[in-house]
Amino acid sequence: MLDVTLVAVFAAVFVLTLLGIVGFFKRRMFGPPNRWPGSSLMSRGPIDRNAPPPISDRVLEIAIDPNRKIEACKAYIDETGASLRDAKAIIEFYSDEYHRR
């Protein structure tokens, strides 16, 4: 009787572990793509359909001035309809890239 219970417990642990591994790889392969401003902006792979709208020349001019980042965020939101979090990230990304040169 004990052997049957022990085998059932090991079988259950094995099945649950296998389901966890399958779920992990399923999320890795078919989950949402990486978001910007990480690897999706810098990658040379396929086009990311979730990438932010391109930044206009007017917003870029405002963004390169460190004292006008809030104004640049507002202009970017007005032009694209992006969220505040996304606008802040993209403005900081372009501003940092400009000042690194």
PDB file of N, CA and C in Angstrom:
ATOM      1  N   MET A   1       0.820  -1.187   0.000  1.00  0.00           N
ATOM      2  CA  MET A   1       0.000   0.000   0.000  1.00  0.00           C
ATOM      3  C   MET A   1       0.871   1.260   0.000  1.00  0.00           C
ATOM      4  N   LEU A   2       1.949   1.239   0.767  1.00  0.00           N
ATOM      5  CA  LEU A   2       2.840   2.377   0.843  1.00  0.00           C
ATOM      6  C   LEU A   2       3.551   2.602  -0.486  1.00  0.00           C
ATOM      7  N   ASP A   3       3.895   1.521  -1.172  1.00  0.00           N
ATOM      8  CA  ASP A   3       4.585   1.649  -2.459  1.00  0.00           C
ATOM      9  C   ASP A   3       3.696   2.315  -3.497  1.00  0.00           C
ATOM     10  N   VAL A   4       2.419   2.005  -3.509  1.00  0.00           N
ATOM     11  CA  VAL A   4       1.490   2.596  -4.472  1.00  0.00           C
ATOM     12  C   VAL A   4       1.330   4.087  -4.182  1.00  0.00           C
ATOM     13  N   THR A   5       1.245   4.472  -2.930  1.00  0.00           N
ATOM     14  CA  THR A   5       1.119   5.879  -2.550  1.00  0.00           C
ATOM     15  C   THR A   5       2.383   6.644  -2.921  1.00  0.00           C
ATOM     16  N   LEU A   6       3.519   6.064  -2.668  1.00  0.00           N
ATOM     17  CA  LEU A   6       4.788   6.697  -2.995  1.00  0.00           C
ATOM     18  C   LEU A   6       4.935   6.894  -4.499  1.00  0.00           C
ATOM     19  N   VAL A   7       4.548   5.900  -5.271  1.00  0.00           N
ATOM     20  CA  VAL A   7       4.605   6.007  -6.734  1.00  0.00           C
ATOM     21  C   VAL A   7       3.647   7.088  -7.217  1.00  0.00           C
ATOM     22  N   ALA A   8       2.473   7.175  -6.621  1.00  0.00           N
ATOM     23  CA  ALA A   8       1.499   8.196  -7.011  1.00  0.00           C
ATOM     24  C   ALA A   8       2.029   9.596  -6.705  1.00  0.00           C
ATOM     25  N   VAL A   9       2.683   9.768  -5.567  1.00  0.00           N
ATOM     26  CA  VAL A   9       3.249  11.070  -5.204  1.00  0.00           C
ATOM     27  C   VAL A   9       4.361  11.447  -6.179  1.00  0.00           C
ATOM     28  N   PHE A  10       5.249  10.526  -6.478  1.00  0.00           N
ATOM     29  CA  PHE A  10       6.313  10.810  -7.446  1.00  0.00           C
ATOM     30  C   PHE A  10       5.754  11.110  -8.826  1.00  0.00           C
ATOM     31  N   ALA A  11       4.727  10.405  -9.237  1.00  0.00           N
ATOM     32  CA  ALA A  11       4.107  10.661 -10.534  1.00  0.00           C
ATOM     33  C   ALA A  11       3.475  12.046 -10.561  1.00  0.00           C
ATOM     34  N   ALA A  12       2.807  12.431  -9.473  1.00  0.00           N
ATOM     35  CA  ALA A  12       2.191  13.753  -9.415  1.00  0.00           C
ATOM     36  C   ALA A  12       3.252  14.856  -9.457  1.00  0.00           C
ATOM     37  N   VAL A  13       4.336  14.679  -8.718  1.00  0.00           N
ATOM     38  CA  VAL A  13       5.424  15.660  -8.728  1.00  0.00           C
ATOM     39  C   VAL A  13       6.042  15.754 -10.121  1.00  0.00           C
ATOM     40  N   PHE A  14       6.225  14.639 -10.754  1.00  0.00           N
ATOM     41  CA  PHE A  14       6.796  14.622 -12.106  1.00  0.00           C
ATOM     42  C   PHE A  14       5.882  15.355 -13.086  1.00  0.00           C
ATOM     43  N   VAL A  15       4.601  15.081 -13.048  1.00  0.00           N
ATOM     44  CA  VAL A  15       3.647  15.720 -13.966  1.00  0.00           C
ATOM     45  C   VAL A  15       3.589  17.224 -13.716  1.00  0.00           C
ATOM     46  N   LEU A  16       3.538  17.639 -12.453  1.00  0.00           N
ATOM     47  CA  LEU A  16       3.501  19.075 -12.148  1.00  0.00           C
ATOM     48  C   LEU A  16       4.782  19.779 -12.580  1.00  0.00           C
ATOM     49  N   THR A  17       5.912  19.140 -12.388  1.00  0.00           N
ATOM     50  CA  THR A  17       7.180  19.714 -12.844  1.00  0.00           C
ATOM     51  C   THR A  17       7.205  19.844 -14.360  1.00  0.00           C
ATOM     52  N   LEU A  18       6.756  18.829 -15.035  1.00  0.00           N
ATOM     53  CA  LEU A  18       6.707  18.864 -16.498  1.00  0.00           C
ATOM     54  C   LEU A  18       5.774  19.963 -16.990  1.00  0.00           C
ATOM     55  N   LEU A  19       4.621  20.124 -16.359  1.00  0.00           N
ATOM     56  CA  LEU A  19       3.696  21.191 -16.744  1.00  0.00           C
ATOM     57  C   LEU A  19       4.306  22.566 -16.494  1.00  0.00           C
ATOM     58  N   GLY A  20       5.046  22.717 -15.415  1.00  0.00           N
ATOM     59  CA  GLY A  20       5.718  23.979 -15.140  1.00  0.00           C
ATOM     60  C   GLY A  20       6.765  24.314 -16.182  1.00  0.00           C
ATOM     61  N   ILE A  21       7.530  23.335 -16.589  1.00  0.00           N
ATOM     62  CA  ILE A  21       8.555  23.548 -17.613  1.00  0.00           C
ATOM     63  C   ILE A  21       7.915  23.905 -18.940  1.00  0.00           C
ATOM     64  N   VAL A  22       6.866  23.200 -19.307  1.00  0.00           N
ATOM     65  CA  VAL A  22       6.168  23.499 -20.566  1.00  0.00           C
ATOM     66  C   VAL A  22       5.581  24.902 -20.520  1.00  0.00           C
ATOM     67  N   GLY A  23       4.981  25.284 -19.398  1.00  0.00           N
ATOM     68  CA  GLY A  23       4.424  26.627 -19.263  1.00  0.00           C
ATOM     69  C   GLY A  23       5.485  27.702 -19.362  1.00  0.00           C
ATOM     70  N   PHE A  24       6.647  27.451 -18.762  1.00  0.00           N
ATOM     71  CA  PHE A  24       7.739  28.414 -18.825  1.00  0.00           C
ATOM     72  C   PHE A  24       8.178  28.658 -20.271  1.00  0.00           C
ATOM     73  N   PHE A  25       8.413  27.577 -21.015  1.00  0.00           N
ATOM     74  CA  PHE A  25       8.851  27.737 -22.398  1.00  0.00           C
ATOM     75  C   PHE A  25       7.754  28.308 -23.286  1.00  0.00           C
ATOM     76  N   LYS A  26       6.520  28.004 -22.976  1.00  0.00           N
ATOM     77  CA  LYS A  26       5.405  28.568 -23.745  1.00  0.00           C
ATOM     78  C   LYS A  26       5.366  30.080 -23.570  1.00  0.00           C
ATOM     79  N   ARG A  27       5.545  30.557 -22.324  1.00  0.00           N
ATOM     80  CA  ARG A  27       5.568  32.005 -22.086  1.00  0.00           C
ATOM     81  C   ARG A  27       6.776  32.652 -22.734  1.00  0.00           C
ATOM     82  N   ARG A  28       7.918  31.967 -22.708  1.00  0.00           N
ATOM     83  CA  ARG A  28       9.124  32.533 -23.317  1.00  0.00           C
ATOM     84  C   ARG A  28       9.004  32.637 -24.836  1.00  0.00           C
ATOM     85  N   MET A  29       8.399  31.638 -25.447  1.00  0.00           N
ATOM     86  CA  MET A  29       8.340  31.608 -26.909  1.00  0.00           C
ATOM     87  C   MET A  29       7.157  32.385 -27.460  1.00  0.00           C
ATOM     88  N   PHE A  30       6.021  32.357 -26.785  1.00  0.00           N
ATOM     89  CA  PHE A  30       4.806  32.951 -27.334  1.00  0.00           C
ATOM     90  C   PHE A  30       4.283  34.112 -26.501  1.00  0.00           C
ATOM     91  N   GLY A  31       5.055  34.571 -25.519  1.00  0.00           N
ATOM     92  CA  GLY A  31       4.643  35.677 -24.668  1.00  0.00           C
ATOM     93  C   GLY A  31       4.790  36.999 -25.397  1.00  0.00           C
ATOM     94  N   PRO A  32       4.477  38.097 -24.720  1.00  0.00           N
ATOM     95  CA  PRO A  32       4.607  39.404 -25.356  1.00  0.00           C
ATOM     96  C   PRO A  32       6.072  39.723 -25.644  1.00  0.00           C
ATOM     97  N   PRO A  33       6.324  40.482 -26.701  1.00  0.00           N
ATOM     98  CA  PRO A  33       7.710  40.818 -27.047  1.00  0.00           C
ATOM     99  C   PRO A  33       8.298  41.799 -26.043  1.00  0.00           C
ATOM    100  N   ASN A  34       9.624  41.936 -26.087  1.00  0.00           N
ATOM    101  CA  ASN A  34      10.300  42.894 -25.219  1.00  0.00           C
ATOM    102  C   ASN A  34       9.823  44.291 -25.536  1.00  0.00           C
ATOM    103  N   ARG A  35       9.690  45.105 -24.517  1.00  0.00           N
ATOM    104  CA  ARG A  35       9.258  46.483 -24.697  1.00  0.00           C
ATOM    105  C   ARG A  35      10.464  47.400 -24.791  1.00  0.00           C
ATOM    106  N   TRP A  36      10.301  48.540 -25.349  1.00  0.00           N
ATOM    107  CA  TRP A  36      11.339  49.537 -25.447  1.00  0.00           C
ATOM    108  C   TRP A  36      11.454  50.259 -24.141  1.00  0.00           C
ATOM    109  N   PRO A  37      12.405  51.040 -23.834  1.00  0.00           N
ATOM    110  CA  PRO A  37      13.594  51.330 -24.606  1.00  0.00           C
ATOM    111  C   PRO A  37      14.726  50.375 -24.282  1.00  0.00           C
ATOM    112  N   GLY A  38      14.462  49.121 -24.331  1.00  0.00           N
ATOM    113  CA  GLY A  38      15.483  48.118 -24.107  1.00  0.00           C
ATOM    114  C   GLY A  38      16.028  47.612 -25.413  1.00  0.00           C
ATOM    115  N   SER A  39      16.046  46.316 -25.541  1.00  0.00           N
ATOM    116  CA  SER A  39      16.673  45.702 -26.698  1.00  0.00           C
ATOM    117  C   SER A  39      15.873  45.899 -27.980  1.00  0.00           C
ATOM    118  N   SER A  40      14.564  46.177 -27.886  1.00  0.00           N
ATOM    119  CA  SER A  40      13.771  46.267 -29.107  1.00  0.00           C
ATOM    120  C   SER A  40      14.159  47.474 -29.964  1.00  0.00           C
ATOM    121  N   LEU A  41      14.592  48.583 -29.321  1.00  0.00           N
ATOM    122  CA  LEU A  41      15.011  49.741 -30.105  1.00  0.00           C
ATOM    123  C   LEU A  41      16.402  49.543 -30.688  1.00  0.00           C
ATOM    124  N   MET A  42      17.231  48.787 -29.995  1.00  0.00           N
ATOM    125  CA  MET A  42      18.613  48.641 -30.420  1.00  0.00           C
ATOM    126  C   MET A  42      18.849  47.382 -31.251  1.00  0.00           C
ATOM    127  N   SER A  43      17.859  46.521 -31.347  1.00  0.00           N
ATOM    128  CA  SER A  43      18.069  45.258 -32.043  1.00  0.00           C
ATOM    129  C   SER A  43      18.042  45.451 -33.552  1.00  0.00           C
ATOM    130  N   ARG A  44      18.605  44.494 -34.228  1.00  0.00           N
ATOM    131  CA  ARG A  44      18.579  44.510 -35.686  1.00  0.00           C
ATOM    132  C   ARG A  44      17.666  43.418 -36.212  1.00  0.00           C
ATOM    133  N   GLY A  45      16.824  42.909 -35.345  1.00  0.00           N
ATOM    134  CA  GLY A  45      15.916  41.829 -35.694  1.00  0.00           C
ATOM    135  C   GLY A  45      14.675  42.350 -36.390  1.00  0.00           C
ATOM    136  N   PRO A  46      13.607  41.576 -36.355  1.00  0.00           N
ATOM    137  CA  PRO A  46      12.374  41.982 -37.022  1.00  0.00           C
ATOM    138  C   PRO A  46      11.773  43.236 -36.379  1.00  0.00           C
ATOM    139  N   ILE A  47      10.902  43.892 -37.105  1.00  0.00           N
ATOM    140  CA  ILE A  47      10.279  45.125 -36.632  1.00  0.00           C
ATOM    141  C   ILE A  47       9.356  44.803 -35.466  1.00  0.00           C
ATOM    142  N   ASP A  48       9.469  45.573 -34.411  1.00  0.00           N
ATOM    143  CA  ASP A  48       8.622  45.401 -33.236  1.00  0.00           C
ATOM    144  C   ASP A  48       7.349  46.201 -33.431  1.00  0.00           C
ATOM    145  N   ARG A  49       6.225  45.532 -33.555  1.00  0.00           N
ATOM    146  CA  ARG A  49       4.946  46.208 -33.781  1.00  0.00           C
ATOM    147  C   ARG A  49       4.482  46.981 -32.554  1.00  0.00           C
ATOM    148  N   ASN A  50       5.055  46.694 -31.387  1.00  0.00           N
ATOM    149  CA  ASN A  50       4.696  47.404 -30.165  1.00  0.00           C
ATOM    150  C   ASN A  50       5.643  48.565 -29.876  1.00  0.00           C
ATOM    151  N   ALA A  51       6.520  48.873 -30.805  1.00  0.00           N
ATOM    152  CA  ALA A  51       7.480  49.956 -30.612  1.00  0.00           C
ATOM    153  C   ALA A  51       6.734  51.288 -30.596  1.00  0.00           C
ATOM    154  N   PRO A  52       7.302  52.272 -29.919  1.00  0.00           N
ATOM    155  CA  PRO A  52       6.627  53.569 -29.835  1.00  0.00           C
ATOM    156  C   PRO A  52       6.631  54.277 -31.182  1.00  0.00           C
ATOM    157  N   PRO A  53       5.715  55.213 -31.373  1.00  0.00           N
ATOM    158  CA  PRO A  53       5.733  56.002 -32.610  1.00  0.00           C
ATOM    159  C   PRO A  53       7.035  56.788 -32.699  1.00  0.00           C
ATOM    160  N   PRO A  54       7.486  57.065 -33.901  1.00  0.00           N
ATOM    161  CA  PRO A  54       8.751  57.801 -34.041  1.00  0.00           C
ATOM    162  C   PRO A  54       8.632  59.204 -33.467  1.00  0.00           C
ATOM    163  N   ILE A  55       9.751  59.721 -33.028  1.00  0.00           N
ATOM    164  CA  ILE A  55       9.777  61.050 -32.440  1.00  0.00           C
ATOM    165  C   ILE A  55       9.948  62.078 -33.555  1.00  0.00           C
ATOM    166  N   SER A  56       9.188  63.161 -33.503  1.00  0.00           N
ATOM    167  CA  SER A  56       9.260  64.176 -34.554  1.00  0.00           C
ATOM    168  C   SER A  56      10.468  65.081 -34.326  1.00  0.00           C
ATOM    169  N   ASP A  57      10.821  65.834 -35.363  1.00  0.00           N
ATOM    170  CA  ASP A  57      11.952  66.753 -35.252  1.00  0.00           C
ATOM    171  C   ASP A  57      11.682  67.843 -34.215  1.00  0.00           C
ATOM    172  N   ARG A  58      10.435  68.299 -34.139  1.00  0.00           N
ATOM    173  CA  ARG A  58      10.078  69.345 -33.177  1.00  0.00           C
ATOM    174  C   ARG A  58      10.272  68.851 -31.746  1.00  0.00           C
ATOM    175  N   VAL A  59       9.791  67.646 -31.467  1.00  0.00           N
ATOM    176  CA  VAL A  59       9.932  67.076 -30.122  1.00  0.00           C
ATOM    177  C   VAL A  59      11.403  66.787 -29.831  1.00  0.00           C
ATOM    178  N   LEU A  60      12.139  66.343 -30.817  1.00  0.00           N
ATOM    179  CA  LEU A  60      13.561  66.066 -30.626  1.00  0.00           C
ATOM    180  C   LEU A  60      14.334  67.334 -30.281  1.00  0.00           C
ATOM    181  N   GLU A  61      13.984  68.443 -30.926  1.00  0.00           N
ATOM    182  CA  GLU A  61      14.634  69.713 -30.604  1.00  0.00           C
ATOM    183  C   GLU A  61      14.398  70.103 -29.155  1.00  0.00           C
ATOM    184  N   ILE A  62      13.172  69.882 -28.692  1.00  0.00           N
ATOM    185  CA  ILE A  62      12.859  70.208 -27.299  1.00  0.00           C
ATOM    186  C   ILE A  62      13.558  69.228 -26.359  1.00  0.00           C
ATOM    187  N   ALA A  63      13.604  67.951 -26.727  1.00  0.00           N
ATOM    188  CA  ALA A  63      14.129  66.896 -25.853  1.00  0.00           C
ATOM    189  C   ALA A  63      15.627  67.013 -25.604  1.00  0.00           C
ATOM    190  N   ILE A  64      16.371  67.586 -26.549  1.00  0.00           N
ATOM    191  CA  ILE A  64      17.819  67.643 -26.358  1.00  0.00           C
ATOM    192  C   ILE A  64      18.231  68.687 -25.331  1.00  0.00           C
ATOM    193  N   ASP A  65      17.317  69.584 -24.972  1.00  0.00           N
ATOM    194  CA  ASP A  65      17.583  70.556 -23.911  1.00  0.00           C
ATOM    195  C   ASP A  65      17.198  69.912 -22.579  1.00  0.00           C
ATOM    196  N   PRO A  66      18.160  69.673 -21.681  1.00  0.00           N
ATOM    197  CA  PRO A  66      17.854  68.985 -20.418  1.00  0.00           C
ATOM    198  C   PRO A  66      16.825  69.711 -19.547  1.00  0.00           C
ATOM    199  N   ASN A  67      16.688  71.020 -19.706  1.00  0.00           N
ATOM    200  CA  ASN A  67      15.744  71.788 -18.897  1.00  0.00           C
ATOM    201  C   ASN A  67      14.320  71.762 -19.458  1.00  0.00           C
ATOM    202  N   ARG A  68      14.116  71.134 -20.604  1.00  0.00           N
ATOM    203  CA  ARG A  68      12.791  71.143 -21.246  1.00  0.00           C
ATOM    204  C   ARG A  68      12.235  69.736 -21.447  1.00  0.00           C
ATOM    205  N   LYS A  69      12.642  68.783 -20.613  1.00  0.00           N
ATOM    206  CA  LYS A  69      12.175  67.401 -20.784  1.00  0.00           C
ATOM    207  C   LYS A  69      10.671  67.273 -20.555  1.00  0.00           C
ATOM    208  N   ILE A  70      10.142  68.013 -19.590  1.00  0.00           N
ATOM    209  CA  ILE A  70       8.702  67.936 -19.330  1.00  0.00           C
ATOM    210  C   ILE A  70       7.926  68.471 -20.522  1.00  0.00           C
ATOM    211  N   GLU A  71       8.396  69.565 -21.089  1.00  0.00           N
ATOM    212  CA  GLU A  71       7.754  70.124 -22.277  1.00  0.00           C
ATOM    213  C   GLU A  71       7.828  69.140 -23.450  1.00  0.00           C
ATOM    214  N   ALA A  72       8.961  68.447 -23.572  1.00  0.00           N
ATOM    215  CA  ALA A  72       9.116  67.453 -24.638  1.00  0.00           C
ATOM    216  C   ALA A  72       8.156  66.288 -24.431  1.00  0.00           C
ATOM    217  N   CYS A  73       7.986  65.868 -23.179  1.00  0.00           N
ATOM    218  CA  CYS A  73       7.037  64.782 -22.884  1.00  0.00           C
ATOM    219  C   CYS A  73       5.625  65.186 -23.257  1.00  0.00           C
ATOM    220  N   LYS A  74       5.241  66.408 -22.907  1.00  0.00           N
ATOM    221  CA  LYS A  74       3.895  66.891 -23.238  1.00  0.00           C
ATOM    222  C   LYS A  74       3.695  66.941 -24.753  1.00  0.00           C
ATOM    223  N   ALA A  75       4.692  67.441 -25.473  1.00  0.00           N
ATOM    224  CA  ALA A  75       4.582  67.522 -26.934  1.00  0.00           C
ATOM    225  C   ALA A  75       4.487  66.123 -27.548  1.00  0.00           C
ATOM    226  N   TYR A  76       5.272  65.188 -27.026  1.00  0.00           N
ATOM    227  CA  TYR A  76       5.237  63.809 -27.544  1.00  0.00           C
ATOM    228  C   TYR A  76       3.879  63.165 -27.292  1.00  0.00           C
ATOM    229  N   ILE A  77       3.326  63.395 -26.101  1.00  0.00           N
ATOM    230  CA  ILE A  77       2.006  62.851 -25.791  1.00  0.00           C
ATOM    231  C   ILE A  77       0.944  63.463 -26.693  1.00  0.00           C
ATOM    232  N   ASP A  78       1.026  64.764 -26.929  1.00  0.00           N
ATOM    233  CA  ASP A  78       0.056  65.426 -27.817  1.00  0.00           C
ATOM    234  C   ASP A  78       0.124  64.879 -29.233  1.00  0.00           C
ATOM    235  N   GLU A  79       1.330  64.616 -29.723  1.00  0.00           N
ATOM    236  CA  GLU A  79       1.496  64.131 -31.104  1.00  0.00           C
ATOM    237  C   GLU A  79       1.116  62.670 -31.274  1.00  0.00           C
ATOM    238  N   THR A  80       1.433  61.846 -30.287  1.00  0.00           N
ATOM    239  CA  THR A  80       1.288  60.400 -30.476  1.00  0.00           C
ATOM    240  C   THR A  80       0.190  59.758 -29.649  1.00  0.00           C
ATOM    241  N   GLY A  81      -0.219  60.404 -28.562  1.00  0.00           N
ATOM    242  CA  GLY A  81      -1.200  59.797 -27.677  1.00  0.00           C
ATOM    243  C   GLY A  81      -0.600  58.745 -26.760  1.00  0.00           C
ATOM    244  N   ALA A  82       0.702  58.742 -26.619  1.00  0.00           N
ATOM    245  CA  ALA A  82       1.387  57.770 -25.763  1.00  0.00           C
ATOM    246  C   ALA A  82       1.101  58.069 -24.292  1.00  0.00           C
ATOM    247  N   SER A  83       1.352  57.089 -23.444  1.00  0.00           N
ATOM    248  CA  SER A  83       1.171  57.299 -22.006  1.00  0.00           C
ATOM    249  C   SER A  83       2.327  58.126 -21.464  1.00  0.00           C
ATOM    250  N   LEU A  84       2.141  58.660 -20.266  1.00  0.00           N
ATOM    251  CA  LEU A  84       3.185  59.476 -19.647  1.00  0.00           C
ATOM    252  C   LEU A  84       4.442  58.653 -19.403  1.00  0.00           C
ATOM    253  N   ARG A  85       4.270  57.409 -18.973  1.00  0.00           N
ATOM    254  CA  ARG A  85       5.418  56.530 -18.719  1.00  0.00           C
ATOM    255  C   ARG A  85       6.203  56.293 -20.014  1.00  0.00           C
ATOM    256  N   ASP A  86       5.490  56.014 -21.102  1.00  0.00           N
ATOM    257  CA  ASP A  86       6.154  55.769 -22.375  1.00  0.00           C
ATOM    258  C   ASP A  86       6.834  57.033 -22.897  1.00  0.00           C
ATOM    259  N   ALA A  87       6.145  58.164 -22.770  1.00  0.00           N
ATOM    260  CA  ALA A  87       6.719  59.423 -23.245  1.00  0.00           C
ATOM    261  C   ALA A  87       7.997  59.757 -22.477  1.00  0.00           C
ATOM    262  N   LYS A  88       7.965  59.589 -21.162  1.00  0.00           N
ATOM    263  CA  LYS A  88       9.149  59.876 -20.344  1.00  0.00           C
ATOM    264  C   LYS A  88      10.319  58.981 -20.746  1.00  0.00           C
ATOM    265  N   ALA A  89      10.033  57.702 -20.955  1.00  0.00           N
ATOM    266  CA  ALA A  89      11.101  56.767 -21.321  1.00  0.00           C
ATOM    267  C   ALA A  89      11.709  57.118 -22.674  1.00  0.00           C
ATOM    268  N   ILE A  90      10.881  57.430 -23.648  1.00  0.00           N
ATOM    269  CA  ILE A  90      11.412  57.701 -24.987  1.00  0.00           C
ATOM    270  C   ILE A  90      12.156  59.038 -25.025  1.00  0.00           C
ATOM    271  N   ILE A  91      11.660  60.046 -24.309  1.00  0.00           N
ATOM    272  CA  ILE A  91      12.339  61.341 -24.278  1.00  0.00           C
ATOM    273  C   ILE A  91      13.695  61.201 -23.585  1.00  0.00           C
ATOM    274  N   GLU A  92      13.736  60.484 -22.479  1.00  0.00           N
ATOM    275  CA  GLU A  92      15.021  60.277 -21.802  1.00  0.00           C
ATOM    276  C   GLU A  92      15.988  59.477 -22.661  1.00  0.00           C
ATOM    277  N   PHE A  93      15.465  58.513 -23.397  1.00  0.00           N
ATOM    278  CA  PHE A  93      16.319  57.712 -24.272  1.00  0.00           C
ATOM    279  C   PHE A  93      16.976  58.599 -25.332  1.00  0.00           C
ATOM    280  N   TYR A  94      16.171  59.392 -26.036  1.00  0.00           N
ATOM    281  CA  TYR A  94      16.731  60.243 -27.091  1.00  0.00           C
ATOM    282  C   TYR A  94      17.626  61.336 -26.516  1.00  0.00           C
ATOM    283  N   SER A  95      17.267  61.882 -25.369  1.00  0.00           N
ATOM    284  CA  SER A  95      18.088  62.913 -24.747  1.00  0.00           C
ATOM    285  C   SER A  95      19.448  62.351 -24.343  1.00  0.00           C
ATOM    286  N   ASP A  96      19.440  61.180 -23.738  1.00  0.00           N
ATOM    287  CA  ASP A  96      20.703  60.553 -23.329  1.00  0.00           C
ATOM    288  C   ASP A  96      21.557  60.204 -24.537  1.00  0.00           C
ATOM    289  N   GLU A  97      20.933  59.703 -25.591  1.00  0.00           N
ATOM    290  CA  GLU A  97      21.690  59.366 -26.814  1.00  0.00           C
ATOM    291  C   GLU A  97      22.331  60.618 -27.403  1.00  0.00           C
ATOM    292  N   TYR A  98      21.613  61.741 -27.405  1.00  0.00           N
ATOM    293  CA  TYR A  98      22.145  62.971 -27.959  1.00  0.00           C
ATOM    294  C   TYR A  98      23.325  63.468 -27.136  1.00  0.00           C
ATOM    295  N   HIS A  99      23.208  63.405 -25.824  1.00  0.00           N
ATOM    296  CA  HIS A  99      24.266  63.940 -24.952  1.00  0.00           C
ATOM    297  C   HIS A  99      25.458  63.017 -24.817  1.00  0.00           C
ATOM    298  N   ARG A 100      25.331  61.774 -25.237  1.00  0.00           N
ATOM    299  CA  ARG A 100      26.484  60.865 -25.225  1.00  0.00           C
ATOM    300  C   ARG A 100      27.460  61.156 -26.347  1.00  0.00           C
ATOM    301  N   ARG A 101      26.989  61.784 -27.379  1.00  0.00           N
ATOM    302  CA  ARG A 101      27.872  62.047 -28.537  1.00  0.00           C
ATOM    303  C   ARG A 101      28.905  63.070 -28.227  1.00  0.00           C
TER     304      ARG A 101
END
